[in-house]
Amino acid sequence: MPAAGGAFRAWQHDIASREEKRQREREDAEIAATRIGSTTLTMGVKVGEGGKLYGSITAKDIADALARRGITVDRHKVELPDPLKSLGTYKVAVKVYPGMTPEVTVVVEPKG
């Protein structure tokens, strides 16, 4: 299709609207990254002898805990290679946008 008249203007409008959408997504991601970076999640779990957990903390658990704080994150974006299986404090990276991977602090402590 020749780039003349209405087709050219429609093409320019399409490019401009895509750029605006990318800019909005980046701004939203920056806000989410700031909130995630300043968040500490305390996960209370049942503990057996020697500090071993009954079960484990998974990426889904972390995504659900963030959602309860108003930060929506897909569980696949939580970079947790293996579930957390012992008490302690962990830094877990969360991909929110290409090149933006803030870390949330996860504190695993005994319940009760």
Protein backbone atom coordinates (compact mmCIF):
# COMPACT_ATOMS: atom_id res chain seq x y z
CA MET A 1 0.00 0.00 0.00
CA PRO A 2 1.46 3.38 -0.91
CA ALA A 3 2.35 5.64 2.03
CA ALA A 4 0.14 8.54 1.04
CA GLY A 5 -2.85 10.34 2.45
CA GLY A 6 -4.89 8.52 5.07
CA ALA A 7 -2.75 5.37 5.08
CA PHE A 8 0.35 7.36 6.09
CA ARG A 9 -1.51 9.21 8.86
CA ALA A 10 -2.99 5.93 10.15
CA TRP A 11 0.49 4.39 10.20
CA GLN A 12 1.88 7.38 12.14
CA HIS A 13 -1.02 7.20 14.61
CA ASP A 14 -0.44 3.47 15.09
CA ILE A 15 3.25 4.00 15.84
CA ALA A 16 2.48 6.85 18.26
CA SER A 17 -0.16 4.83 20.14
CA ARG A 18 2.23 1.85 20.48
CA GLU A 19 4.94 4.15 21.87
CA GLU A 20 2.48 5.68 24.36
CA LYS A 21 1.46 2.18 25.48
CA ARG A 22 5.12 1.14 25.97
CA GLN A 23 5.76 4.33 27.95
CA ARG A 24 2.74 3.66 30.23
CA GLU A 25 3.85 0.06 30.76
CA ARG A 26 7.37 1.21 31.66
CA GLU A 27 6.04 3.80 34.14
CA ASP A 28 3.76 1.20 35.76
CA ALA A 29 6.70 -1.22 35.95
CA GLU A 30 8.89 1.42 37.61
CA ILE A 31 6.21 2.00 40.27
CA ALA A 32 5.84 -1.76 40.82
CA ALA A 33 9.64 -2.17 40.99
CA THR A 34 9.88 0.51 43.68
CA ARG A 35 7.10 -1.09 45.71
CA ILE A 36 8.57 -4.59 45.36
CA GLY A 37 12.05 -3.41 46.31
CA SER A 38 10.77 -1.83 49.51
CA THR A 39 8.55 -4.79 50.50
CA THR A 40 9.38 -7.39 53.12
CA LEU A 41 7.17 -10.48 53.14
CA THR A 42 7.01 -12.43 56.39
CA MET A 43 5.92 -16.01 55.79
CA GLY A 44 4.88 -17.96 58.89
CA VAL A 45 5.22 -21.71 58.41
CA LYS A 46 4.98 -24.87 60.48
CA VAL A 47 8.40 -26.05 61.53
CA GLY A 48 9.59 -29.49 62.63
CA GLU A 49 12.71 -30.61 64.43
CA GLY A 50 15.93 -28.86 63.47
CA GLY A 51 14.16 -25.94 61.78
CA LYS A 52 12.93 -28.03 58.82
CA LEU A 53 9.74 -26.74 57.25
CA TYR A 54 6.62 -28.81 56.71
CA GLY A 55 6.32 -28.07 53.01
CA SER A 56 8.08 -25.14 51.34
CA ILE A 57 7.65 -21.58 50.08
CA THR A 58 7.18 -21.51 46.31
CA ALA A 59 7.10 -18.78 43.67
CA LYS A 60 3.29 -19.01 43.75
CA ASP A 61 3.28 -18.35 47.51
CA ILE A 62 5.43 -15.25 46.99
CA ALA A 63 3.25 -14.00 44.09
CA ASP A 64 0.12 -14.53 46.23
CA ALA A 65 1.67 -12.65 49.18
CA LEU A 66 2.57 -9.74 46.88
CA ALA A 67 -0.99 -9.76 45.47
CA ARG A 68 -2.38 -9.43 49.01
CA ARG A 69 -0.30 -6.24 49.27
CA GLY A 70 -1.74 -4.89 46.02
CA ILE A 71 1.22 -5.79 43.77
CA THR A 72 0.07 -8.07 40.98
CA VAL A 73 2.85 -10.34 39.70
CA ASP A 74 2.67 -13.47 37.57
CA ARG A 75 4.19 -16.40 39.48
CA HIS A 76 6.37 -17.19 36.47
CA LYS A 77 8.05 -13.79 36.90
CA VAL A 78 9.26 -14.68 40.41
CA GLU A 79 12.84 -15.93 39.98
CA LEU A 80 12.96 -18.72 42.54
CA PRO A 81 14.93 -21.69 41.14
CA ASP A 82 14.13 -23.94 44.12
CA PRO A 83 11.43 -23.61 46.79
CA LEU A 84 12.55 -22.19 50.14
CA LYS A 85 12.79 -25.09 52.60
CA SER A 86 14.42 -23.58 55.67
CA LEU A 87 14.02 -20.66 58.03
CA GLY A 88 15.84 -17.42 57.24
CA THR A 89 15.81 -14.24 55.21
CA TYR A 90 16.01 -14.42 51.42
CA LYS A 91 16.21 -11.92 48.56
CA VAL A 92 14.05 -13.05 45.65
CA ALA A 93 14.16 -11.31 42.26
CA VAL A 94 10.94 -10.49 40.42
CA LYS A 95 10.91 -9.59 36.71
CA VAL A 96 8.54 -6.67 36.20
CA TYR A 97 9.80 -5.36 32.85
CA PRO A 98 12.76 -6.09 30.57
CA GLY A 99 15.84 -4.84 32.39
CA MET A 100 13.91 -4.24 35.65
CA THR A 101 14.28 -6.96 38.26
CA PRO A 102 13.79 -5.69 41.82
CA GLU A 103 14.29 -7.98 44.80
CA VAL A 104 11.65 -8.63 47.45
CA THR A 105 12.82 -9.64 50.92
CA VAL A 106 11.20 -12.86 52.15
CA VAL A 107 11.48 -13.71 55.84
CA VAL A 108 10.60 -17.35 56.61
CA GLU A 109 9.84 -17.77 60.30
CA PRO A 110 8.00 -20.27 62.51
CA LYS A 111 4.25 -19.83 62.72
CA GLY A 112 2.82 -19.03 66.12
